[in-house]
Amino acid sequence: MKQISIKIKSDTKLIDPVINVLYSIAEINNYAEDFLWSLEISLREILANSIIHGNKRDNSKSVLIKLEWNNNLFTISVKDEGAGFNYKERKPEVLKRGEFPELSGRGWIIVQNKMDFLDFKKLETGFKVTVKKHIN
């Protein structure tokens, strides 16, 4: 398994440089365009949520991104220093029907539909989101 870890401040201007790293990995590994798009849109949504909602744009707080891959699987883990949100209150039946009951939360619907695995974890010092996608 290969991996890269990146630590950024809570600034949305730093999302694009992280995406550039993802593009470099994709180019080296000859990932299909649709596969890369799923990774990119998911990583953008997760980073934006971590910076804006998790760390409340507090530049003294950091976001840690870990990208891991092998021939079969790509994993993205993003850890922020925020309190997280009550992901257990999300209603799976709403997500399955594709309804959008509110503006907030649409990013998670996108991530859930683009990735094969989505996990939220409250940590002692922050919140972690992990997504996985099988390489086609």
Protein backbone atom coordinates (compact mmCIF):
# COMPACT_ATOMS: atom_id res chain seq x y z
CA MET A 1 0.00 0.00 0.00
CA LYS A 2 1.31 3.43 -0.97
CA GLN A 3 0.35 6.52 0.96
CA ILE A 4 0.75 10.27 1.21
CA SER A 5 -0.16 12.40 4.21
CA ILE A 6 -0.81 16.13 3.89
CA LYS A 7 -1.49 18.62 6.67
CA ILE A 8 -3.14 21.94 5.81
CA LYS A 9 -4.49 24.94 7.68
CA SER A 10 -8.25 25.52 7.67
CA ASP A 11 -8.29 27.60 4.50
CA THR A 12 -10.45 26.66 1.50
CA LYS A 13 -7.74 28.09 -0.80
CA LEU A 14 -5.66 25.03 0.11
CA ILE A 15 -8.17 22.56 -1.34
CA ASP A 16 -6.89 22.91 -4.92
CA PRO A 17 -3.26 22.12 -4.03
CA VAL A 18 -4.47 18.91 -2.32
CA ILE A 19 -6.49 18.04 -5.43
CA ASN A 20 -3.32 18.58 -7.50
CA VAL A 21 -1.63 15.86 -5.43
CA LEU A 22 -4.56 13.57 -6.18
CA TYR A 23 -4.20 14.32 -9.90
CA SER A 24 -0.50 13.45 -9.75
CA ILE A 25 -1.29 10.10 -8.16
CA ALA A 26 -3.99 9.47 -10.77
CA GLU A 27 -1.63 10.28 -13.63
CA ILE A 28 1.10 7.97 -12.35
CA ASN A 29 -1.43 5.15 -11.90
CA ASN A 30 -3.40 5.77 -15.13
CA TYR A 31 -6.75 6.03 -13.36
CA ALA A 32 -9.83 6.26 -15.55
CA GLU A 33 -11.41 9.70 -15.82
CA ASP A 34 -14.67 8.68 -14.13
CA PHE A 35 -12.77 7.05 -11.26
CA LEU A 36 -10.69 10.20 -10.76
CA TRP A 37 -13.84 12.35 -10.86
CA SER A 38 -15.39 10.28 -8.04
CA LEU A 39 -12.26 10.74 -5.94
CA GLU A 40 -11.97 14.45 -6.71
CA ILE A 41 -15.58 15.45 -5.99
CA SER A 42 -15.55 13.39 -2.79
CA LEU A 43 -12.26 14.83 -1.56
CA ARG A 44 -13.40 18.39 -2.35
CA GLU A 45 -16.64 17.90 -0.41
CA ILE A 46 -14.95 16.31 2.58
CA LEU A 47 -12.24 18.99 2.75
CA ALA A 48 -14.76 21.82 2.44
CA ASN A 49 -16.86 20.30 5.23
CA SER A 50 -13.82 19.83 7.47
CA ILE A 51 -12.59 23.38 6.94
CA ILE A 52 -15.93 25.22 6.99
CA HIS A 53 -18.06 23.18 9.37
CA GLY A 54 -15.53 21.14 11.35
CA ASN A 55 -12.82 23.69 12.06
CA LYS A 56 -15.11 26.73 11.52
CA ARG A 57 -12.45 28.27 9.21
CA ASP A 58 -10.18 28.68 12.24
CA ASN A 59 -6.73 29.04 10.68
CA SER A 60 -5.09 27.92 13.93
CA LYS A 61 -6.67 24.48 13.36
CA SER A 62 -5.42 21.92 10.87
CA VAL A 63 -6.86 19.29 8.58
CA LEU A 64 -4.91 16.06 8.06
CA ILE A 65 -5.44 14.25 4.77
CA LYS A 66 -4.23 10.71 4.14
CA LEU A 67 -4.38 9.18 0.66
CA GLU A 68 -3.70 5.43 0.43
CA TRP A 69 -3.83 3.18 -2.62
CA ASN A 70 -2.88 -0.16 -4.05
CA ASN A 71 -3.93 -2.01 -7.21
CA ASN A 72 -7.48 -2.60 -5.93
CA LEU A 73 -8.51 0.18 -3.57
CA PHE A 74 -8.13 3.93 -3.01
CA THR A 75 -8.73 5.26 0.51
CA ILE A 76 -9.13 8.88 1.58
CA SER A 77 -9.09 9.83 5.27
CA VAL A 78 -9.63 13.39 6.45
CA LYS A 79 -9.31 14.40 10.10
CA ASP A 80 -10.22 17.82 11.42
CA GLU A 81 -10.18 19.36 14.90
CA GLY A 82 -13.91 20.03 15.04
CA ALA A 83 -16.67 18.54 17.14
CA GLY A 84 -18.21 16.68 14.21
CA PHE A 85 -21.91 16.28 13.57
CA ASN A 86 -24.54 13.73 14.50
CA TYR A 87 -24.26 11.52 11.43
CA LYS A 88 -26.50 8.90 13.06
CA GLU A 89 -29.46 11.26 12.67
CA ARG A 90 -29.12 11.21 8.86
CA LYS A 91 -32.06 9.30 7.41
CA PRO A 92 -30.85 6.59 4.99
CA GLU A 93 -34.30 6.26 3.41
CA VAL A 94 -34.11 9.94 2.37
CA LEU A 95 -30.68 9.41 0.87
CA LYS A 96 -31.88 6.37 -1.07
CA ARG A 97 -34.82 8.25 -2.58
CA GLY A 98 -32.51 11.09 -3.56
CA GLU A 99 -34.55 13.71 -1.76
CA PHE A 100 -32.84 16.91 -0.68
CA PRO A 101 -34.66 18.07 2.45
CA GLU A 102 -32.23 20.93 3.15
CA LEU A 103 -29.30 22.72 1.56
CA SER A 104 -26.95 21.43 4.24
CA GLY A 105 -25.88 17.81 3.83
CA ARG A 106 -25.97 17.53 0.05
CA GLY A 107 -22.22 17.00 -0.06
CA TRP A 108 -22.55 13.81 1.95
CA ILE A 109 -25.17 12.52 -0.48
CA ILE A 110 -22.74 13.12 -3.34
CA VAL A 111 -19.89 11.39 -1.48
CA GLN A 112 -22.12 8.47 -0.52
CA ASN A 113 -23.13 7.98 -4.16
CA LYS A 114 -19.61 8.32 -5.61
CA MET A 115 -17.71 6.13 -3.15
CA ASP A 116 -18.03 2.46 -2.17
CA PHE A 117 -17.52 3.03 1.57
CA LEU A 118 -18.17 6.00 3.86
CA ASP A 119 -17.41 6.10 7.58
CA PHE A 120 -17.59 8.85 10.20
CA LYS A 121 -15.69 8.62 13.48
CA LYS A 122 -15.72 10.96 16.47
CA LEU A 123 -12.23 11.10 17.96
CA GLU A 124 -10.97 12.47 21.27
CA THR A 125 -9.51 15.44 19.45
CA GLY A 126 -11.56 15.89 16.32
CA PHE A 127 -13.60 14.11 13.71
CA LYS A 128 -12.49 11.73 10.95
CA VAL A 129 -14.12 10.82 7.65
CA THR A 130 -12.90 7.82 5.66
CA VAL A 131 -14.03 6.90 2.16
CA LYS A 132 -12.96 4.06 -0.09
CA LYS A 133 -13.38 3.32 -3.77
CA HIS A 134 -12.49 0.11 -5.58
CA ILE A 135 -10.25 0.70 -8.57
CA ASN A 136 -11.91 -0.40 -11.79
